[in-house]
N, C-alpha and C. Protein backbone atom coordinates (compact mmCIF):
# COMPACT_ATOMS: atom_id res chain seq x y z
N MET A 1 12.63 6.11 9.61
CA MET A 1 12.71 5.57 8.26
C MET A 1 12.04 6.56 7.31
N ASN A 2 12.72 6.89 6.25
CA ASN A 2 12.18 7.87 5.31
C ASN A 2 11.49 7.24 4.11
N GLN A 3 11.28 5.93 4.16
CA GLN A 3 10.58 5.24 3.07
C GLN A 3 9.10 5.59 3.15
N HIS A 4 8.44 5.67 2.00
CA HIS A 4 7.00 5.94 1.98
C HIS A 4 6.25 4.62 2.10
N ILE A 5 5.55 4.46 3.21
CA ILE A 5 4.80 3.22 3.42
C ILE A 5 3.44 3.34 2.74
N LYS A 6 3.16 2.42 1.85
CA LYS A 6 1.93 2.44 1.06
C LYS A 6 0.76 1.81 1.82
N LYS A 7 1.05 0.78 2.63
CA LYS A 7 -0.02 0.06 3.32
C LYS A 7 0.45 -0.35 4.71
N TYR A 8 -0.47 -0.27 5.66
CA TYR A 8 -0.22 -0.73 7.02
C TYR A 8 -1.11 -1.93 7.28
N LEU A 9 -0.52 -3.01 7.80
CA LEU A 9 -1.27 -4.23 8.10
C LEU A 9 -1.07 -4.55 9.58
N ASP A 10 -2.16 -4.52 10.34
CA ASP A 10 -2.10 -4.84 11.77
C ASP A 10 -2.66 -6.23 11.99
N THR A 11 -1.78 -7.16 12.37
CA THR A 11 -2.20 -8.53 12.63
C THR A 11 -2.15 -8.84 14.12
N SER A 12 -2.16 -7.82 14.94
CA SER A 12 -2.08 -8.00 16.40
C SER A 12 -3.20 -8.92 16.88
N GLY A 13 -2.83 -9.85 17.76
CA GLY A 13 -3.80 -10.77 18.32
C GLY A 13 -4.01 -12.03 17.49
N LEU A 14 -3.49 -12.05 16.27
CA LEU A 14 -3.66 -13.23 15.42
C LEU A 14 -2.47 -14.16 15.58
N LEU A 15 -2.73 -15.45 15.46
CA LEU A 15 -1.69 -16.46 15.61
C LEU A 15 -1.39 -17.14 14.28
N CYS A 16 -0.21 -17.72 14.20
CA CYS A 16 0.23 -18.45 13.01
C CYS A 16 -0.86 -19.44 12.60
N PRO A 17 -1.21 -19.50 11.34
CA PRO A 17 -0.56 -18.88 10.18
C PRO A 17 -1.23 -17.59 9.70
N GLU A 18 -2.19 -17.05 10.47
CA GLU A 18 -2.97 -15.91 9.99
C GLU A 18 -2.15 -14.68 9.62
N PRO A 19 -1.16 -14.24 10.43
CA PRO A 19 -0.42 -13.03 10.02
C PRO A 19 0.22 -13.14 8.63
N VAL A 20 0.85 -14.29 8.35
CA VAL A 20 1.51 -14.45 7.04
C VAL A 20 0.48 -14.60 5.93
N MET A 21 -0.64 -15.25 6.22
CA MET A 21 -1.70 -15.36 5.21
C MET A 21 -2.24 -13.98 4.84
N LEU A 22 -2.46 -13.13 5.84
CA LEU A 22 -2.94 -11.77 5.57
C LEU A 22 -1.87 -10.94 4.86
N LEU A 23 -0.61 -11.14 5.23
CA LEU A 23 0.49 -10.44 4.54
C LEU A 23 0.53 -10.85 3.07
N HIS A 24 0.40 -12.12 2.81
CA HIS A 24 0.42 -12.62 1.42
C HIS A 24 -0.70 -11.96 0.60
N LYS A 25 -1.88 -11.90 1.18
CA LYS A 25 -3.02 -11.27 0.50
C LYS A 25 -2.76 -9.78 0.27
N ALA A 26 -2.25 -9.09 1.29
CA ALA A 26 -2.00 -7.65 1.19
C ALA A 26 -0.93 -7.34 0.15
N VAL A 27 0.13 -8.14 0.10
CA VAL A 27 1.21 -7.91 -0.86
C VAL A 27 0.71 -8.05 -2.29
N ARG A 28 -0.21 -8.99 -2.51
CA ARG A 28 -0.76 -9.18 -3.86
C ARG A 28 -1.47 -7.93 -4.37
N GLU A 29 -1.98 -7.11 -3.46
CA GLU A 29 -2.71 -5.89 -3.84
C GLU A 29 -1.77 -4.71 -4.10
N LEU A 30 -0.48 -4.87 -3.81
CA LEU A 30 0.48 -3.79 -3.99
C LEU A 30 1.17 -3.89 -5.35
N ASP A 31 1.74 -2.77 -5.78
CA ASP A 31 2.55 -2.75 -6.99
C ASP A 31 4.00 -3.04 -6.62
N SER A 32 4.78 -3.48 -7.59
CA SER A 32 6.19 -3.72 -7.37
C SER A 32 6.86 -2.45 -6.85
N GLY A 33 7.66 -2.58 -5.80
CA GLY A 33 8.35 -1.44 -5.21
C GLY A 33 7.59 -0.78 -4.07
N ASP A 34 6.30 -1.10 -3.92
CA ASP A 34 5.52 -0.55 -2.81
C ASP A 34 6.02 -1.12 -1.49
N ILE A 35 5.79 -0.36 -0.42
CA ILE A 35 6.26 -0.75 0.90
C ILE A 35 5.06 -0.97 1.82
N ILE A 36 5.12 -2.06 2.58
CA ILE A 36 4.08 -2.40 3.54
C ILE A 36 4.72 -2.52 4.93
N GLN A 37 4.01 -2.02 5.93
CA GLN A 37 4.45 -2.20 7.31
C GLN A 37 3.48 -3.15 8.00
N VAL A 38 4.03 -4.18 8.62
CA VAL A 38 3.22 -5.19 9.30
C VAL A 38 3.50 -5.09 10.80
N THR A 39 2.43 -5.09 11.58
CA THR A 39 2.52 -5.13 13.03
C THR A 39 1.93 -6.45 13.49
N ALA A 40 2.65 -7.15 14.36
CA ALA A 40 2.20 -8.46 14.83
C ALA A 40 2.52 -8.62 16.31
N THR A 41 1.81 -9.54 16.95
CA THR A 41 2.09 -9.87 18.35
C THR A 41 2.51 -11.34 18.51
N ASP A 42 2.41 -12.12 17.45
CA ASP A 42 2.76 -13.53 17.49
C ASP A 42 4.28 -13.67 17.30
N PRO A 43 4.99 -14.22 18.31
CA PRO A 43 6.45 -14.36 18.18
C PRO A 43 6.87 -15.22 16.98
N SER A 44 6.02 -16.11 16.51
CA SER A 44 6.40 -16.96 15.37
C SER A 44 6.60 -16.13 14.10
N THR A 45 6.09 -14.89 14.08
CA THR A 45 6.30 -14.05 12.89
C THR A 45 7.77 -13.69 12.72
N THR A 46 8.57 -13.75 13.80
CA THR A 46 10.00 -13.46 13.66
C THR A 46 10.69 -14.49 12.80
N ARG A 47 10.09 -15.66 12.68
CA ARG A 47 10.60 -16.71 11.79
C ARG A 47 9.85 -16.68 10.46
N ASP A 48 8.52 -16.55 10.53
CA ASP A 48 7.67 -16.70 9.35
C ASP A 48 7.78 -15.54 8.36
N VAL A 49 7.82 -14.31 8.84
CA VAL A 49 7.85 -13.15 7.93
C VAL A 49 9.17 -13.08 7.16
N PRO A 50 10.34 -13.25 7.81
CA PRO A 50 11.58 -13.28 7.01
C PRO A 50 11.61 -14.42 5.98
N LYS A 51 11.07 -15.60 6.34
CA LYS A 51 11.02 -16.71 5.38
C LYS A 51 10.10 -16.37 4.21
N PHE A 52 8.97 -15.73 4.51
CA PHE A 52 8.05 -15.28 3.47
C PHE A 52 8.79 -14.39 2.48
N CYS A 53 9.54 -13.41 2.99
CA CYS A 53 10.29 -12.49 2.12
C CYS A 53 11.36 -13.23 1.32
N LEU A 54 12.07 -14.12 1.97
CA LEU A 54 13.14 -14.87 1.31
C LEU A 54 12.58 -15.72 0.17
N PHE A 55 11.53 -16.46 0.44
CA PHE A 55 10.97 -17.37 -0.57
C PHE A 55 10.34 -16.63 -1.73
N LEU A 56 9.73 -15.47 -1.48
CA LEU A 56 9.03 -14.75 -2.54
C LEU A 56 9.84 -13.60 -3.13
N GLY A 57 11.02 -13.34 -2.58
CA GLY A 57 11.92 -12.34 -3.15
C GLY A 57 11.64 -10.90 -2.74
N HIS A 58 10.82 -10.70 -1.71
CA HIS A 58 10.56 -9.34 -1.23
C HIS A 58 11.70 -8.90 -0.32
N GLU A 59 11.90 -7.59 -0.22
CA GLU A 59 13.02 -7.05 0.55
C GLU A 59 12.57 -6.63 1.95
N MET A 60 13.17 -7.22 2.97
CA MET A 60 12.91 -6.83 4.35
C MET A 60 13.74 -5.57 4.63
N LEU A 61 13.07 -4.44 4.76
CA LEU A 61 13.75 -3.18 5.00
C LEU A 61 14.03 -2.96 6.48
N GLU A 62 13.13 -3.47 7.31
CA GLU A 62 13.29 -3.27 8.75
C GLU A 62 12.55 -4.37 9.49
N GLN A 63 13.15 -4.82 10.58
CA GLN A 63 12.52 -5.79 11.47
C GLN A 63 12.90 -5.39 12.88
N ARG A 64 11.90 -5.10 13.72
CA ARG A 64 12.21 -4.69 15.09
C ARG A 64 11.11 -5.15 16.04
N GLN A 65 11.46 -5.11 17.32
CA GLN A 65 10.50 -5.47 18.36
C GLN A 65 10.36 -4.31 19.33
N ASP A 66 9.12 -3.92 19.60
CA ASP A 66 8.81 -2.92 20.61
C ASP A 66 7.95 -3.61 21.67
N ASP A 67 8.55 -3.95 22.81
CA ASP A 67 7.88 -4.71 23.86
C ASP A 67 7.36 -6.02 23.27
N ASP A 68 6.04 -6.24 23.29
CA ASP A 68 5.46 -7.48 22.77
C ASP A 68 4.94 -7.34 21.35
N THR A 69 5.38 -6.31 20.65
CA THR A 69 4.93 -6.06 19.28
C THR A 69 6.11 -6.18 18.34
N TYR A 70 5.87 -6.85 17.22
CA TYR A 70 6.88 -7.05 16.19
C TYR A 70 6.49 -6.22 14.98
N ILE A 71 7.45 -5.49 14.44
CA ILE A 71 7.18 -4.59 13.32
C ILE A 71 8.12 -4.96 12.17
N TYR A 72 7.52 -5.08 10.98
CA TYR A 72 8.25 -5.43 9.77
C TYR A 72 7.93 -4.41 8.68
N VAL A 73 8.96 -3.97 7.99
CA VAL A 73 8.75 -3.08 6.84
C VAL A 73 9.34 -3.81 5.63
N ILE A 74 8.48 -4.02 4.63
CA ILE A 74 8.83 -4.87 3.50
C ILE A 74 8.56 -4.15 2.19
N ARG A 75 9.50 -4.27 1.23
CA ARG A 75 9.29 -3.74 -0.11
C ARG A 75 8.96 -4.91 -1.04
N LYS A 76 7.84 -4.77 -1.74
CA LYS A 76 7.44 -5.81 -2.68
C LYS A 76 8.40 -5.83 -3.86
N LYS A 77 8.76 -7.04 -4.28
CA LYS A 77 9.68 -7.16 -5.43
C LYS A 77 9.01 -6.74 -6.72
């Protein structure tokens, strides 16, 4: 991915709702158009992070799984 990631958020080991709560806090600190990469180990993030983006209007640029790790790349609206 050639996008410039402004912030990396590692929520590994945290369970719902903590990853999305931390993502919400981190996104508030970004400017519109900034990109954040989130790493998580909680499978519920595969449901929660896309819903977070949908409800708040942020763009999911990438969503993938590497073994037991889930990676999301999101552009703030």
